[in-house]
Amino acid sequence: RTDEIAFGSVNEDGGVSVRVGLGET
């Protein structure tokens, strides 16, 4: 969950976000 904010900002900036393991993301 601590990485979800970064996933969102990376997505917004046109990058690629990768979740490791299970869970909503």
PDB file of all heavy atoms in Angstrom:
ATOM      1  N   ARG A   1       0.825  -1.213   0.000  1.00  0.00           N
ATOM      2  CA  ARG A   1       0.000   0.000   0.000  1.00  0.00           C
ATOM      3  C   ARG A   1       0.852   1.252   0.000  1.00  0.00           C
ATOM      4  O   ARG A   1       0.459   2.293  -0.528  1.00  0.00           O
ATOM      5  CB  ARG A   1      -0.925   0.004   1.227  1.00  0.00           C
ATOM      6  CG  ARG A   1      -2.147  -0.878   1.067  1.00  0.00           C
ATOM      7  CD  ARG A   1      -3.083  -0.736   2.256  1.00  0.00           C
ATOM      8  NE  ARG A   1      -2.591  -1.425   3.436  1.00  0.00           N
ATOM      9  CZ  ARG A   1      -3.244  -1.456   4.600  1.00  0.00           C
ATOM     10  NH1 ARG A   1      -4.394  -0.808   4.732  1.00  0.00           N
ATOM     11  NH2 ARG A   1      -2.746  -2.118   5.637  1.00  0.00           N
ATOM     12  N   THR A   2       2.041   1.175   0.580  1.00  0.00           N
ATOM     13  CA  THR A   2       2.920   2.342   0.610  1.00  0.00           C
ATOM     14  C   THR A   2       3.401   2.717  -0.790  1.00  0.00           C
ATOM     15  O   THR A   2       3.915   3.828  -0.987  1.00  0.00           O
ATOM     16  CB  THR A   2       4.139   2.076   1.499  1.00  0.00           C
ATOM     17  OG1 THR A   2       4.910   1.007   0.958  1.00  0.00           O
ATOM     18  CG2 THR A   2       3.703   1.712   2.914  1.00  0.00           C
ATOM     19  N   ASP A   3       3.262   1.810  -1.755  1.00  0.00           N
ATOM     20  CA  ASP A   3       3.719   2.065  -3.120  1.00  0.00           C
ATOM     21  C   ASP A   3       2.613   2.578  -4.034  1.00  0.00           C
ATOM     22  O   ASP A   3       2.896   3.007  -5.159  1.00  0.00           O
ATOM     23  CB  ASP A   3       4.320   0.789  -3.714  1.00  0.00           C
ATOM     24  CG  ASP A   3       5.503   0.284  -2.919  1.00  0.00           C
ATOM     25  OD1 ASP A   3       6.406   1.093  -2.636  1.00  0.00           O
ATOM     26  OD2 ASP A   3       5.520  -0.908  -2.548  1.00  0.00           O
ATOM     27  N   GLU A   4       1.375   2.539  -3.569  1.00  0.00           N
ATOM     28  CA  GLU A   4       0.264   2.898  -4.450  1.00  0.00           C
ATOM     29  C   GLU A   4       0.292   4.366  -4.875  1.00  0.00           C
ATOM     30  O   GLU A   4      -0.057   4.687  -6.007  1.00  0.00           O
ATOM     31  CB  GLU A   4      -1.076   2.554  -3.790  1.00  0.00           C
ATOM     32  CG  GLU A   4      -1.331   1.053  -3.660  1.00  0.00           C
ATOM     33  CD  GLU A   4      -1.492   0.355  -5.007  1.00  0.00           C
ATOM     34  OE1 GLU A   4      -2.033   0.967  -5.948  1.00  0.00           O
ATOM     35  OE2 GLU A   4      -1.052  -0.808  -5.121  1.00  0.00           O
ATOM     36  N   ILE A   5       0.691   5.269  -3.967  1.00  0.00           N
ATOM     37  CA  ILE A   5       0.787   6.680  -4.358  1.00  0.00           C
ATOM     38  C   ILE A   5       1.793   6.843  -5.487  1.00  0.00           C
ATOM     39  O   ILE A   5       1.558   7.572  -6.463  1.00  0.00           O
ATOM     40  CB  ILE A   5       1.183   7.554  -3.152  1.00  0.00           C
ATOM     41  CG1 ILE A   5       0.075   7.539  -2.097  1.00  0.00           C
ATOM     42  CG2 ILE A   5       1.467   8.984  -3.590  1.00  0.00           C
ATOM     43  CD1 ILE A   5       0.445   8.256  -0.804  1.00  0.00           C
ATOM     44  N   ALA A   6       2.909   6.137  -5.382  1.00  0.00           N
ATOM     45  CA  ALA A   6       3.930   6.216  -6.428  1.00  0.00           C
ATOM     46  C   ALA A   6       3.440   5.603  -7.728  1.00  0.00           C
ATOM     47  O   ALA A   6       3.732   6.123  -8.812  1.00  0.00           O
ATOM     48  CB  ALA A   6       5.215   5.532  -5.966  1.00  0.00           C
ATOM     49  N   PHE A   7       2.690   4.493  -7.649  1.00  0.00           N
ATOM     50  CA  PHE A   7       2.121   3.925  -8.868  1.00  0.00           C
ATOM     51  C   PHE A   7       1.278   4.974  -9.591  1.00  0.00           C
ATOM     52  O   PHE A   7       1.353   5.140 -10.802  1.00  0.00           O
ATOM     53  CB  PHE A   7       1.244   2.713  -8.561  1.00  0.00           C
ATOM     54  CG  PHE A   7       1.984   1.497  -8.057  1.00  0.00           C
ATOM     55  CD1 PHE A   7       1.345   0.593  -7.209  1.00  0.00           C
ATOM     56  CD2 PHE A   7       3.291   1.235  -8.429  1.00  0.00           C
ATOM     57  CE1 PHE A   7       1.998  -0.529  -6.743  1.00  0.00           C
ATOM     58  CE2 PHE A   7       3.959   0.113  -7.968  1.00  0.00           C
ATOM     59  CZ  PHE A   7       3.312  -0.777  -7.115  1.00  0.00           C
ATOM     60  N   GLY A   8       0.446   5.682  -8.810  1.00  0.00           N
ATOM     61  CA  GLY A   8      -0.421   6.684  -9.403  1.00  0.00           C
ATOM     62  C   GLY A   8       0.349   7.803 -10.073  1.00  0.00           C
ATOM     63  O   GLY A   8       0.028   8.216 -11.204  1.00  0.00           O
ATOM     64  N   SER A   9       1.375   8.315  -9.410  1.00  0.00           N
ATOM     65  CA  SER A   9       2.142   9.420  -9.997  1.00  0.00           C
ATOM     66  C   SER A   9       2.954   8.962 -11.203  1.00  0.00           C
ATOM     67  O   SER A   9       3.077   9.694 -12.194  1.00  0.00           O
ATOM     68  CB  SER A   9       3.043  10.066  -8.946  1.00  0.00           C
ATOM     69  OG  SER A   9       4.020   9.166  -8.472  1.00  0.00           O
ATOM     70  N   VAL A  10       3.502   7.744 -11.146  1.00  0.00           N
ATOM     71  CA  VAL A  10       4.228   7.211 -12.300  1.00  0.00           C
ATOM     72  C   VAL A  10       3.289   7.053 -13.487  1.00  0.00           C
ATOM     73  O   VAL A  10       3.630   7.394 -14.632  1.00  0.00           O
ATOM     74  CB  VAL A  10       4.913   5.877 -11.939  1.00  0.00           C
ATOM     75  CG1 VAL A  10       5.401   5.148 -13.189  1.00  0.00           C
ATOM     76  CG2 VAL A  10       6.080   6.119 -10.996  1.00  0.00           C
ATOM     77  N   ASN A  11       2.072   6.560 -13.232  1.00  0.00           N
ATOM     78  CA  ASN A  11       1.084   6.450 -14.307  1.00  0.00           C
ATOM     79  C   ASN A  11       0.780   7.817 -14.915  1.00  0.00           C
ATOM     80  O   ASN A  11       0.732   7.976 -16.145  1.00  0.00           O
ATOM     81  CB  ASN A  11      -0.211   5.829 -13.783  1.00  0.00           C
ATOM     82  CG  ASN A  11      -0.064   4.375 -13.386  1.00  0.00           C
ATOM     83  OD1 ASN A  11       0.909   3.720 -13.761  1.00  0.00           O
ATOM     84  ND2 ASN A  11      -1.014   3.870 -12.622  1.00  0.00           N
ATOM     85  N   GLU A  12       0.557   8.811 -14.043  1.00  0.00           N
ATOM     86  CA  GLU A  12       0.237  10.167 -14.512  1.00  0.00           C
ATOM     87  C   GLU A  12       1.352  10.745 -15.379  1.00  0.00           C
ATOM     88  O   GLU A  12       1.088  11.503 -16.318  1.00  0.00           O
ATOM     89  CB  GLU A  12      -0.003  11.092 -13.321  1.00  0.00           C
ATOM     90  CG  GLU A  12      -1.279  10.818 -12.553  1.00  0.00           C
ATOM     91  CD  GLU A  12      -1.358  11.652 -11.286  1.00  0.00           C
ATOM     92  OE1 GLU A  12      -0.485  12.530 -11.090  1.00  0.00           O
ATOM     93  OE2 GLU A  12      -2.291  11.417 -10.487  1.00  0.00           O
ATOM     94  N   ASP A  13       2.592  10.380 -15.052  1.00  0.00           N
ATOM     95  CA  ASP A  13       3.740  10.939 -15.765  1.00  0.00           C
ATOM     96  C   ASP A  13       4.139  10.114 -16.984  1.00  0.00           C
ATOM     97  O   ASP A  13       5.183  10.387 -17.604  1.00  0.00           O
ATOM     98  CB  ASP A  13       4.924  11.063 -14.811  1.00  0.00           C
ATOM     99  CG  ASP A  13       4.658  12.057 -13.687  1.00  0.00           C
ATOM    100  OD1 ASP A  13       3.748  12.891 -13.834  1.00  0.00           O
ATOM    101  OD2 ASP A  13       5.359  11.986 -12.649  1.00  0.00           O
ATOM    102  N   GLY A  14       3.323   9.100 -17.328  1.00  0.00           N
ATOM    103  CA  GLY A  14       3.591   8.319 -18.532  1.00  0.00           C
ATOM    104  C   GLY A  14       4.557   7.177 -18.356  1.00  0.00           C
ATOM    105  O   GLY A  14       5.040   6.609 -19.348  1.00  0.00           O
ATOM    106  N   GLY A  15       4.835   6.800 -17.097  1.00  0.00           N
ATOM    107  CA  GLY A  15       5.736   5.693 -16.837  1.00  0.00           C
ATOM    108  C   GLY A  15       5.003   4.373 -16.743  1.00  0.00           C
ATOM    109  O   GLY A  15       3.808   4.269 -17.071  1.00  0.00           O
ATOM    110  N   VAL A  16       5.710   3.352 -16.276  1.00  0.00           N
ATOM    111  CA  VAL A  16       5.153   2.002 -16.128  1.00  0.00           C
ATOM    112  C   VAL A  16       5.224   1.608 -14.664  1.00  0.00           C
ATOM    113  O   VAL A  16       6.304   1.594 -14.071  1.00  0.00           O
ATOM    114  CB  VAL A  16       5.923   0.976 -16.987  1.00  0.00           C
ATOM    115  CG1 VAL A  16       5.280  -0.404 -16.851  1.00  0.00           C
ATOM    116  CG2 VAL A  16       5.964   1.401 -18.444  1.00  0.00           C
ATOM    117  N   SER A  17       4.079   1.281 -14.083  1.00  0.00           N
ATOM    118  CA  SER A  17       4.003   0.865 -12.684  1.00  0.00           C
ATOM    119  C   SER A  17       3.775  -0.633 -12.610  1.00  0.00           C
ATOM    120  O   SER A  17       2.960  -1.183 -13.360  1.00  0.00           O
ATOM    121  CB  SER A  17       2.867   1.604 -11.976  1.00  0.00           C
ATOM    122  OG  SER A  17       1.650   1.447 -12.693  1.00  0.00           O
ATOM    123  N   VAL A  18       4.496  -1.306 -11.700  1.00  0.00           N
ATOM    124  CA  VAL A  18       4.447  -2.771 -11.614  1.00  0.00           C
ATOM    125  C   VAL A  18       4.206  -3.177 -10.159  1.00  0.00           C
ATOM    126  O   VAL A  18       5.049  -2.928  -9.291  1.00  0.00           O
ATOM    127  CB  VAL A  18       5.757  -3.409 -12.117  1.00  0.00           C
ATOM    128  CG1 VAL A  18       5.635  -4.934 -12.101  1.00  0.00           C
ATOM    129  CG2 VAL A  18       6.108  -2.908 -13.508  1.00  0.00           C
ATOM    130  N   ARG A  19       3.073  -3.802  -9.897  1.00  0.00           N
ATOM    131  CA  ARG A  19       2.757  -4.307  -8.560  1.00  0.00           C
ATOM    132  C   ARG A  19       3.334  -5.705  -8.409  1.00  0.00           C
ATOM    133  O   ARG A  19       3.150  -6.568  -9.284  1.00  0.00           O
ATOM    134  CB  ARG A  19       1.236  -4.347  -8.362  1.00  0.00           C
ATOM    135  CG  ARG A  19       0.748  -5.057  -7.100  1.00  0.00           C
ATOM    136  CD  ARG A  19       1.000  -4.269  -5.842  1.00  0.00           C
ATOM    137  NE  ARG A  19       0.522  -4.974  -4.654  1.00  0.00           N
ATOM    138  CZ  ARG A  19      -0.315  -4.463  -3.762  1.00  0.00           C
ATOM    139  NH1 ARG A  19      -0.791  -3.241  -3.916  1.00  0.00           N
ATOM    140  NH2 ARG A  19      -0.669  -5.152  -2.705  1.00  0.00           N
ATOM    141  N   VAL A  20       4.003  -5.943  -7.302  1.00  0.00           N
ATOM    142  CA  VAL A  20       4.560  -7.259  -7.002  1.00  0.00           C
ATOM    143  C   VAL A  20       3.643  -7.936  -5.994  1.00  0.00           C
ATOM    144  O   VAL A  20       3.418  -7.419  -4.896  1.00  0.00           O
ATOM    145  CB  VAL A  20       5.987  -7.138  -6.433  1.00  0.00           C
ATOM    146  CG1 VAL A  20       6.564  -8.519  -6.127  1.00  0.00           C
ATOM    147  CG2 VAL A  20       6.884  -6.389  -7.417  1.00  0.00           C
ATOM    148  N   GLY A  21       3.099  -9.090  -6.359  1.00  0.00           N
ATOM    149  CA  GLY A  21       2.214  -9.818  -5.466  1.00  0.00           C
ATOM    150  C   GLY A  21       0.757  -9.487  -5.690  1.00  0.00           C
ATOM    151  O   GLY A  21       0.380  -8.762  -6.620  1.00  0.00           O
ATOM    152  N   LEU A  22      -0.080 -10.044  -4.805  1.00  0.00           N
ATOM    153  CA  LEU A  22      -1.527  -9.906  -4.925  1.00  0.00           C
ATOM    154  C   LEU A  22      -2.005  -8.578  -4.360  1.00  0.00           C
ATOM    155  O   LEU A  22      -1.242  -7.832  -3.771  1.00  0.00           O
ATOM    156  CB  LEU A  22      -2.202 -11.069  -4.194  1.00  0.00           C
ATOM    157  CG  LEU A  22      -1.837 -12.478  -4.665  1.00  0.00           C
ATOM    158  CD1 LEU A  22      -2.490 -13.524  -3.783  1.00  0.00           C
ATOM    159  CD2 LEU A  22      -2.238 -12.675  -6.131  1.00  0.00           C
ATOM    160  N   GLY A  23      -3.302  -8.325  -4.535  1.00  0.00           N
ATOM    161  CA  GLY A  23      -3.913  -7.140  -3.958  1.00  0.00           C
ATOM    162  C   GLY A  23      -4.395  -6.169  -5.009  1.00  0.00           C
ATOM    163  O   GLY A  23      -3.865  -6.116  -6.130  1.00  0.00           O
ATOM    164  N   GLU A  24      -5.422  -5.411  -4.651  1.00  0.00           N
ATOM    165  CA  GLU A  24      -5.920  -4.373  -5.537  1.00  0.00           C
ATOM    166  C   GLU A  24      -4.842  -3.320  -5.738  1.00  0.00           C
ATOM    167  O   GLU A  24      -4.077  -3.009  -4.825  1.00  0.00           O
ATOM    168  CB  GLU A  24      -7.180  -3.738  -4.960  1.00  0.00           C
ATOM    169  CG  GLU A  24      -8.375  -4.673  -4.919  1.00  0.00           C
ATOM    170  CD  GLU A  24      -9.646  -3.958  -4.504  1.00  0.00           C
ATOM    171  OE1 GLU A  24      -9.625  -2.707  -4.432  1.00  0.00           O
ATOM    172  OE2 GLU A  24     -10.647  -4.643  -4.251  1.00  0.00           O
ATOM    173  N   THR A  25      -4.802  -2.745  -6.931  1.00  0.00           N
ATOM    174  CA  THR A  25      -3.723  -1.823  -7.244  1.00  0.00           C
ATOM    175  C   THR A  25      -4.117  -0.898  -8.377  1.00  0.00           C
ATOM    176  O   THR A  25      -4.984  -1.231  -9.190  1.00  0.00           O
ATOM    177  CB  THR A  25      -2.449  -2.596  -7.618  1.00  0.00           C
ATOM    178  OG1 THR A  25      -1.373  -1.666  -7.818  1.00  0.00           O
ATOM    179  CG2 THR A  25      -2.641  -3.416  -8.882  1.00  0.00           C
TER     180      THR A  25
END
